[in-house]
């Protein structure tokens, strides 16, 4: 079996066709027969100088050999493996600011590896696939399991996944850090605060399907394994032995989005107007739900403006700021991608405002988050530099107020 490297966008779309180095090496890459690597290399080298007669003779000889050892006619539909990787790394200056203490000047600088991921996809048959992804966790300095699931696809309308993966939830969870528009994603208390084991994932089984411009997904997921922070399902609520049920519905009014995963922007490739509703429940009284919105319109040759928004409520289910057991609030994001090329890429400016209301035990608290990005987009989500500034303010706990600024680099292959 030959191994090929595809883009992570292909990994997300579960493209099953094997990639090949070129027409001259196609018989090495496309065949499921076990062929020594040295022989493949020799074929590629000889193919550059071989005459048409020698090429034809070689094809006939190989065809006879493959027929004599009983290689099945459907060999090209056999198993294949694709591998990819992703990196997010940054330099950040963080400054603590207590509005009640004029002498508060504490701050620090650091370089971080935010994410380092390895993506592995396997096609077992045309309709059965497997995904195994890992991620570096900077908090524990360990490599952790990200995704591990099997996927059976009967049609665009009928797909079944089972294992560890992103459950039906808000758009932010379904695009994750690598397909997020802003750099400091998942820090505002609103985006992707659904219960999770790690990086938004849960263990379970789900159905999803596309019906033209409508998308629907639903599943059931394990409760105890999401109990990693104490409390239940990630923080507060529910009997941890109860299953977590999840569902999402989305409708695309303009261009249709495809697949289970989402984007926060298409960098001008699509005109998008989409609304999504999602919810999760564990037991009777522990719920989380959200509504999200994405608008993107092409501008000129390669430019775009984007508006994204979300409102969410996590009631004794999901990740909240202790001692609160309920969070509600929303965010609004706007961006403009300049059409004109600047060297090999384009510049984009982005602004975001979010407010999270923390309720429950103790006095109510409010967290406001303001962020600004200036991004240099080389190859969309596969190569970009982001200069960022973020300010976070608590209404009561002012000693936790911070602002940070820095530069991030993201690469994928």
Protein backbone atom coordinates (compact mmCIF):
# COMPACT_ATOMS: atom_id res chain seq x y z
CA UNK A 1 0.00 0.00 0.00
CA UNK A 2 1.34 3.43 -0.93
CA UNK A 3 1.15 6.46 1.36
CA UNK A 4 0.31 9.89 0.02
CA UNK A 5 0.17 13.29 1.68
CA UNK A 6 -2.93 15.40 1.19
CA UNK A 7 -4.00 18.78 2.48
CA UNK A 8 -5.94 18.89 5.75
CA UNK A 9 -8.92 20.23 3.81
CA UNK A 10 -8.94 16.91 1.97
CA UNK A 11 -8.65 15.17 5.33
CA UNK A 12 -11.71 17.02 6.61
CA UNK A 13 -13.65 16.16 3.48
CA UNK A 14 -12.57 12.50 3.65
CA UNK A 15 -11.46 12.38 0.02
CA UNK A 16 -10.90 8.74 -0.75
CA UNK A 17 -9.05 8.87 -4.08
CA UNK A 18 -5.30 8.26 -3.85
CA UNK A 19 -3.01 11.03 -5.05
CA UNK A 20 -0.18 10.13 -7.39
CA UNK A 21 3.18 11.66 -8.17
CA UNK A 22 2.40 11.89 -11.87
CA UNK A 23 1.31 9.79 -14.83
CA UNK A 24 4.68 8.05 -15.05
CA UNK A 25 4.49 6.80 -11.49
CA UNK A 26 0.78 6.03 -11.45
CA UNK A 27 1.26 2.26 -11.56
CA UNK A 28 3.22 2.48 -8.26
CA UNK A 29 0.75 4.77 -6.47
CA UNK A 30 -2.58 3.44 -7.75
CA UNK A 31 -1.93 -0.26 -7.38
CA UNK A 32 -2.84 -2.03 -4.16
CA UNK A 33 -0.29 -4.74 -4.94
CA UNK A 34 2.76 -4.84 -2.67
CA UNK A 35 5.60 -3.49 -4.81
CA UNK A 36 9.14 -2.97 -3.41
CA UNK A 37 10.02 0.68 -2.92
CA UNK A 38 13.26 0.23 -4.87
CA UNK A 39 11.35 -1.06 -7.88
CA UNK A 40 8.98 1.91 -7.70
CA UNK A 41 11.91 4.31 -7.57
CA UNK A 42 13.51 2.55 -10.54
CA UNK A 43 10.28 2.79 -12.54
CA UNK A 44 10.04 6.53 -11.83
CA UNK A 45 13.69 7.11 -12.79
CA UNK A 46 13.46 5.05 -15.97
CA UNK A 47 10.14 6.62 -16.95
CA UNK A 48 11.84 9.97 -17.42
CA UNK A 49 14.07 8.64 -20.22
CA UNK A 50 12.13 5.70 -21.59
CA UNK A 51 10.98 5.78 -25.16
CA UNK A 52 7.30 5.22 -26.01
CA UNK A 53 8.15 1.68 -27.18
CA UNK A 54 9.88 0.80 -23.92
CA UNK A 55 7.00 2.33 -21.94
CA UNK A 56 4.44 0.27 -23.83
CA UNK A 57 6.49 -2.88 -23.35
CA UNK A 58 6.81 -2.20 -19.65
CA UNK A 59 3.05 -1.67 -19.26
CA UNK A 60 2.32 -4.98 -21.05
CA UNK A 61 4.85 -6.84 -18.91
CA UNK A 62 3.48 -5.41 -15.68
CA UNK A 63 -0.09 -6.15 -16.71
CA UNK A 64 0.83 -9.77 -17.39
CA UNK A 65 2.66 -10.04 -14.05
CA UNK A 66 -0.24 -8.56 -12.08
CA UNK A 67 -2.69 -10.86 -13.83
CA UNK A 68 -0.56 -13.93 -13.08
CA UNK A 69 -0.49 -13.22 -9.33
CA UNK A 70 -4.23 -12.62 -9.19
CA UNK A 71 -4.43 -8.88 -8.47
CA UNK A 72 -8.17 -8.12 -8.37
CA UNK A 73 -9.72 -5.85 -10.96
CA UNK A 74 -10.91 -3.47 -8.24
CA UNK A 75 -7.44 -2.97 -6.73
CA UNK A 76 -7.58 0.81 -7.18
CA UNK A 77 -10.57 0.96 -4.81
CA UNK A 78 -8.61 -0.78 -2.05
CA UNK A 79 -7.23 0.70 1.18
CA UNK A 80 -5.27 3.96 1.16
CA UNK A 81 -3.76 6.18 3.84
CA UNK A 82 -3.29 9.95 3.88
CA UNK A 83 -1.18 11.91 6.35
CA UNK A 84 -1.14 15.59 7.24
CA UNK A 85 0.08 17.92 9.97
CA UNK A 86 -0.78 21.28 11.50
CA UNK A 87 1.12 23.81 13.62
CA UNK A 88 0.03 26.93 15.53
CA UNK A 89 2.78 28.77 17.39
CA UNK A 90 2.98 32.28 18.82
CA UNK A 91 4.92 34.94 20.68
CA UNK A 92 2.77 36.75 23.27
CA UNK A 93 3.25 39.58 25.73
CA UNK A 94 0.66 39.36 28.54
CA UNK A 95 0.00 42.27 30.90
CA UNK A 96 -2.11 42.14 34.08
CA UNK A 97 -4.09 45.29 34.87
CA UNK A 98 -6.13 45.93 38.01
CA UNK A 99 -8.33 48.98 37.39
CA UNK A 100 -8.26 49.67 41.15
CA UNK A 101 -4.48 49.50 41.44
CA UNK A 102 -2.50 52.07 39.49
CA UNK A 103 0.77 50.29 40.37
CA UNK A 104 -0.18 47.00 38.72
CA UNK A 105 2.41 46.49 35.99
CA UNK A 106 3.06 42.76 36.18
CA UNK A 107 3.54 41.13 32.79
CA UNK A 108 5.51 38.48 30.98
CA UNK A 109 6.60 37.35 27.51
CA UNK A 110 6.54 33.82 26.18
CA UNK A 111 6.84 31.70 23.08
CA UNK A 112 4.30 28.88 22.86
CA UNK A 113 3.37 25.96 20.67
CA UNK A 114 -0.41 26.29 20.80
CA UNK A 115 -1.14 23.20 18.71
CA UNK A 116 0.93 20.59 16.88
CA UNK A 117 -1.27 18.01 15.20
CA UNK A 118 -0.76 14.85 13.20
CA UNK A 119 -3.67 13.80 10.96
CA UNK A 120 -4.05 10.24 9.67
CA UNK A 121 -6.96 9.15 7.48
CA UNK A 122 -7.53 5.67 6.10
CA UNK A 123 -9.90 4.55 3.38
CA UNK A 124 -10.83 0.93 3.97
CA UNK A 125 -13.44 0.71 1.23
CA UNK A 126 -15.18 3.34 -0.84
CA UNK A 127 -17.75 3.88 1.90
CA UNK A 128 -15.82 3.00 5.08
CA UNK A 129 -13.11 5.27 6.44
CA UNK A 130 -11.14 5.76 9.63
CA UNK A 131 -9.57 8.85 11.22
CA UNK A 132 -6.83 9.04 13.86
CA UNK A 133 -5.57 12.49 14.91
CA UNK A 134 -3.33 13.63 17.75
CA UNK A 135 -2.61 17.05 19.26
CA UNK A 136 0.11 18.54 21.44
CA UNK A 137 -1.35 19.89 24.70
CA UNK A 138 0.79 22.83 25.92
CA UNK A 139 -0.87 22.71 29.33
CA UNK A 140 0.43 19.23 30.14
CA UNK A 141 3.30 19.19 27.61
CA UNK A 142 1.93 15.88 26.31
CA UNK A 143 0.72 14.46 23.04
CA UNK A 144 -2.98 13.64 23.39
CA UNK A 145 -5.57 11.73 21.43
CA UNK A 146 -7.70 14.15 19.43
CA UNK A 147 -9.90 12.05 17.11
CA UNK A 148 -10.32 8.31 16.72
CA UNK A 149 -13.43 7.22 14.85
CA UNK A 150 -14.82 5.11 12.09
CA UNK A 151 -17.04 6.62 9.40
CA UNK A 152 -19.59 4.85 7.21
CA UNK A 153 -21.04 6.86 4.35
CA UNK A 154 -24.09 5.59 2.48
CA UNK A 155 -24.79 8.90 0.72
CA UNK A 156 -24.59 12.64 1.34
CA UNK A 157 -27.76 12.29 3.38
CA UNK A 158 -26.72 9.28 5.48
CA UNK A 159 -23.40 9.18 7.34
CA UNK A 160 -22.62 7.39 10.61
CA UNK A 161 -19.58 8.14 12.79
CA UNK A 162 -18.56 6.28 15.94
CA UNK A 163 -15.64 6.85 18.32
CA UNK A 164 -14.12 10.14 19.54
CA UNK A 165 -14.90 13.24 17.48
CA UNK A 166 -16.57 16.65 17.59
CA UNK A 167 -20.22 16.22 18.58
CA UNK A 168 -23.03 18.33 17.09
CA UNK A 169 -22.49 21.77 18.65
CA UNK A 170 -21.86 25.40 17.68
CA UNK A 171 -20.07 26.41 14.50
CA UNK A 172 -17.01 27.43 16.54
CA UNK A 173 -16.51 23.92 17.87
CA UNK A 174 -16.91 22.49 14.37
CA UNK A 175 -14.18 24.69 12.89
CA UNK A 176 -11.73 24.45 15.79
CA UNK A 177 -8.54 26.52 16.20
CA UNK A 178 -7.10 25.81 12.73
CA UNK A 179 -10.19 27.01 10.82
CA UNK A 180 -11.06 29.84 13.20
CA UNK A 181 -11.01 33.39 11.89
CA UNK A 182 -9.56 35.09 14.99
CA UNK A 183 -6.33 33.95 16.62
CA UNK A 184 -7.41 33.87 20.28
CA UNK A 185 -10.37 31.59 19.75
CA UNK A 186 -12.19 29.83 22.64
CA UNK A 187 -11.13 32.37 25.29
CA UNK A 188 -14.29 34.48 25.53
CA UNK A 189 -16.45 32.07 27.58
CA UNK A 190 -18.95 31.69 24.72
CA UNK A 191 -17.35 29.87 21.80
CA UNK A 192 -17.31 26.10 22.24
CA UNK A 193 -18.06 25.85 25.95
CA UNK A 194 -20.01 22.65 25.42
CA UNK A 195 -18.88 19.64 27.52
CA UNK A 196 -15.78 17.91 26.21
CA UNK A 197 -12.96 15.50 26.94
CA UNK A 198 -10.35 17.53 25.09
CA UNK A 199 -10.52 20.19 22.36
CA UNK A 200 -14.30 19.86 21.99
CA UNK A 201 -14.32 16.07 21.52
CA UNK A 202 -16.60 13.44 23.11
CA UNK A 203 -16.89 9.65 22.79
CA UNK A 204 -20.09 8.50 21.09
CA UNK A 205 -22.01 7.86 17.89
CA UNK A 206 -23.70 10.34 15.56
CA UNK A 207 -25.66 10.59 12.34
CA UNK A 208 -25.23 13.49 9.95
CA UNK A 209 -26.53 14.31 6.50
CA UNK A 210 -26.85 16.99 3.84
CA UNK A 211 -30.16 17.75 2.14
CA UNK A 212 -29.30 20.33 -0.47
CA UNK A 213 -28.56 23.45 1.55
CA UNK A 214 -29.83 21.98 4.83
CA UNK A 215 -27.59 20.11 7.27
CA UNK A 216 -28.67 17.98 10.22
CA UNK A 217 -26.72 15.97 12.78
CA UNK A 218 -27.63 14.17 16.01
CA UNK A 219 -25.93 11.74 18.36
CA UNK A 220 -25.48 10.35 21.85
CA UNK A 221 -22.22 10.62 23.78
CA UNK A 222 -20.62 9.28 26.92
CA UNK A 223 -21.12 11.31 30.11
CA UNK A 224 -18.49 9.96 32.55
CA UNK A 225 -15.57 10.43 30.15
CA UNK A 226 -16.43 14.16 29.91
CA UNK A 227 -16.06 14.48 33.68
CA UNK A 228 -12.44 15.63 33.57
CA UNK A 229 -12.73 18.81 35.64
CA UNK A 230 -14.80 17.48 38.52
CA UNK A 231 -18.51 18.03 38.56
CA UNK A 232 -20.14 16.45 35.56
CA UNK A 233 -19.88 16.73 31.78
CA UNK A 234 -16.86 19.00 32.01
CA UNK A 235 -17.99 21.20 34.89
CA UNK A 236 -21.35 21.55 36.59
CA UNK A 237 -24.58 19.57 36.28
CA UNK A 238 -26.16 16.29 35.41
CA UNK A 239 -25.66 12.77 36.63
CA UNK A 240 -22.33 11.84 35.11
CA UNK A 241 -23.61 8.34 34.31
CA UNK A 242 -26.23 9.79 31.99
CA UNK A 243 -25.57 9.99 28.26
CA UNK A 244 -25.22 13.38 26.62
CA UNK A 245 -27.56 13.89 23.67
CA UNK A 246 -26.63 16.43 20.98
CA UNK A 247 -28.15 17.81 17.77
CA UNK A 248 -27.51 20.56 15.22
CA UNK A 249 -29.47 22.03 12.30
CA UNK A 250 -28.07 24.49 9.77
CA UNK A 251 -29.38 26.10 6.61
CA UNK A 252 -27.27 27.80 3.92
CA UNK A 253 -29.21 30.54 2.12
CA UNK A 254 -26.54 31.34 -0.48
CA UNK A 255 -23.70 29.01 -1.49
CA UNK A 256 -23.91 25.57 0.12
CA UNK A 257 -21.26 24.47 2.60
CA UNK A 258 -20.27 20.81 2.44
CA UNK A 259 -19.26 18.17 4.94
CA UNK A 260 -19.64 17.79 8.70
CA UNK A 261 -16.98 20.30 9.69
CA UNK A 262 -17.34 24.07 9.34
CA UNK A 263 -15.28 27.14 8.45
CA UNK A 264 -15.30 30.55 10.07
CA UNK A 265 -14.40 32.10 6.70
CA UNK A 266 -13.81 30.97 3.13
CA UNK A 267 -11.45 33.86 2.33
CA UNK A 268 -13.60 34.90 -0.62
CA UNK A 269 -14.15 31.46 -2.16
CA UNK A 270 -17.89 31.46 -1.33
CA UNK A 271 -20.81 33.79 -0.74
CA UNK A 272 -22.20 32.47 2.54
CA UNK A 273 -25.30 33.27 4.55
CA UNK A 274 -25.89 30.52 7.11
CA UNK A 275 -27.77 30.11 10.38
CA UNK A 276 -27.22 27.20 12.76
CA UNK A 277 -28.97 25.98 15.91
CA UNK A 278 -27.41 23.43 18.27
CA UNK A 279 -28.17 21.93 21.65
CA UNK A 280 -27.02 19.31 24.15
CA UNK A 281 -28.68 17.77 27.19
CA UNK A 282 -27.68 15.47 30.04
CA UNK A 283 -30.39 14.30 32.40
CA UNK A 284 -33.45 16.51 32.79
CA UNK A 285 -32.18 19.86 33.94
CA UNK A 286 -28.71 20.25 32.48
CA UNK A 287 -28.70 21.85 29.05
CA UNK A 288 -26.59 23.84 26.64
CA UNK A 289 -27.68 25.44 23.39
CA UNK A 290 -26.53 28.04 20.89
CA UNK A 291 -27.45 29.92 17.73
CA UNK A 292 -24.75 30.96 15.25
CA UNK A 293 -24.65 33.13 12.13
CA UNK A 294 -22.14 33.55 9.30
CA UNK A 295 -22.27 36.02 6.42
CA UNK A 296 -19.48 36.34 3.88
CA UNK A 297 -19.55 38.18 0.58
CA UNK A 298 -16.92 38.32 -2.15
CA UNK A 299 -15.34 41.70 -2.89
CA UNK A 300 -13.46 42.34 -6.13
CA UNK A 301 -10.93 39.72 -7.23
CA UNK A 302 -10.07 37.74 -4.11
CA UNK A 303 -11.40 39.99 -1.35
CA UNK A 304 -14.27 39.45 1.07
CA UNK A 305 -16.07 40.89 4.07
CA UNK A 306 -17.29 38.59 6.84
CA UNK A 307 -19.68 38.89 9.76
CA UNK A 308 -19.92 36.08 12.33
CA UNK A 309 -22.02 35.99 15.49
CA UNK A 310 -23.18 33.56 18.18
CA UNK A 311 -25.44 33.54 21.22
CA UNK A 312 -25.16 30.66 23.69
CA UNK A 313 -26.39 29.52 27.09
CA UNK A 314 -24.71 26.80 29.14
CA UNK A 315 -26.88 25.85 32.11
CA UNK A 316 -25.12 23.41 34.45
CA UNK A 317 -23.65 21.71 31.42
CA UNK A 318 -20.33 22.56 29.86
CA UNK A 319 -17.41 24.78 30.80
CA UNK A 320 -18.13 27.79 32.98
CA UNK A 321 -16.02 29.99 35.23
CA UNK A 322 -16.21 28.73 38.84
CA UNK A 323 -18.11 29.34 41.03
CA UNK A 324 -20.77 30.12 38.42
CA UNK A 325 -22.72 27.16 37.03
CA UNK A 326 -24.44 29.01 34.17
CA UNK A 327 -23.05 31.19 31.40
CA UNK A 328 -24.89 33.06 28.68
CA UNK A 329 -23.85 35.73 26.22
CA UNK A 330 -22.59 36.18 22.71
CA UNK A 331 -19.98 37.60 20.36
CA UNK A 332 -19.89 39.62 17.15
CA UNK A 333 -16.98 39.48 14.70
CA UNK A 334 -16.31 41.45 11.53
CA UNK A 335 -13.45 41.28 9.03
CA UNK A 336 -12.32 42.61 5.65
CA UNK A 337 -9.95 40.77 3.32
CA UNK A 338 -8.33 43.24 0.92
CA UNK A 339 -8.61 42.14 -2.72
CA UNK A 340 -5.24 43.53 -3.78
CA UNK A 341 -2.25 41.22 -3.54
CA UNK A 342 0.64 42.38 -1.36
CA UNK A 343 3.56 40.23 -2.42
CA UNK A 344 2.56 36.55 -2.32
CA UNK A 345 -0.43 37.14 -0.02
CA UNK A 346 -3.28 39.42 1.07
CA UNK A 347 -3.87 41.45 4.22
CA UNK A 348 -6.98 41.12 6.36
CA UNK A 349 -8.20 43.18 9.32
CA UNK A 350 -10.55 41.76 11.96
CA UNK A 351 -12.35 42.95 15.07
CA UNK A 352 -14.32 40.98 17.67
CA UNK A 353 -16.35 41.82 20.78
CA UNK A 354 -17.77 39.25 23.22
CA UNK A 355 -19.63 39.33 26.52
CA UNK A 356 -20.14 36.37 28.85
CA UNK A 357 -22.50 36.64 31.81
CA UNK A 358 -21.49 34.27 34.62
CA UNK A 359 -24.33 33.28 36.96
CA UNK A 360 -25.11 30.83 39.71
CA UNK A 361 -23.32 30.43 43.04
CA UNK A 362 -21.91 33.71 44.31
CA UNK A 363 -22.41 37.17 42.80
CA UNK A 364 -23.00 37.51 39.09
CA UNK A 365 -19.90 38.33 37.05
CA UNK A 366 -19.40 39.66 33.53
CA UNK A 367 -16.42 39.04 31.24
CA UNK A 368 -15.94 41.26 28.21
CA UNK A 369 -13.41 40.38 25.50
CA UNK A 370 -12.19 42.68 22.74
CA UNK A 371 -9.83 41.45 20.04
CA UNK A 372 -8.18 42.92 16.94
CA UNK A 373 -6.18 41.00 14.30
CA UNK A 374 -4.11 42.03 11.30
CA UNK A 375 -3.45 38.88 9.27
CA UNK A 376 -1.23 38.21 6.29
CA UNK A 377 -2.89 35.39 4.37
CA UNK A 378 -0.49 33.38 2.20
CA UNK A 379 -2.52 30.23 1.59
CA UNK A 380 -5.73 30.60 3.56
CA UNK A 381 -5.70 28.29 6.62
CA UNK A 382 -2.57 26.47 5.44
CA UNK A 383 -0.19 29.43 5.77
CA UNK A 384 -0.94 32.68 7.61
CA UNK A 385 0.69 35.19 9.97
CA UNK A 386 -1.52 36.93 12.53
CA UNK A 387 -0.68 40.03 14.56
CA UNK A 388 -3.14 40.16 17.46
CA UNK A 389 -4.29 42.23 20.42
CA UNK A 390 -6.79 41.04 23.04
CA UNK A 391 -8.21 42.79 26.09
CA UNK A 392 -10.25 40.94 28.76
CA UNK A 393 -12.08 42.67 31.63
CA UNK A 394 -14.03 41.26 34.58
CA UNK A 395 -16.65 43.48 36.15
CA UNK A 396 -15.97 42.35 39.73
CA UNK A 397 -12.67 40.44 39.78
CA UNK A 398 -10.61 43.27 38.34
CA UNK A 399 -7.34 41.73 39.49
CA UNK A 400 -7.83 39.16 36.70
CA UNK A 401 -7.98 41.81 33.96
CA UNK A 402 -5.39 41.33 31.23
CA UNK A 403 -4.38 42.46 27.80
CA UNK A 404 -2.02 40.65 25.47
CA UNK A 405 -0.40 41.29 22.12
CA UNK A 406 1.77 39.23 19.85
CA UNK A 407 2.21 37.38 16.59
CA UNK A 408 1.05 33.92 15.59
CA UNK A 409 2.09 31.58 12.78
CA UNK A 410 -0.12 28.81 11.39
CA UNK A 411 0.97 26.15 8.89
CA UNK A 412 -0.77 23.03 7.61
CA UNK A 413 0.07 20.43 5.05
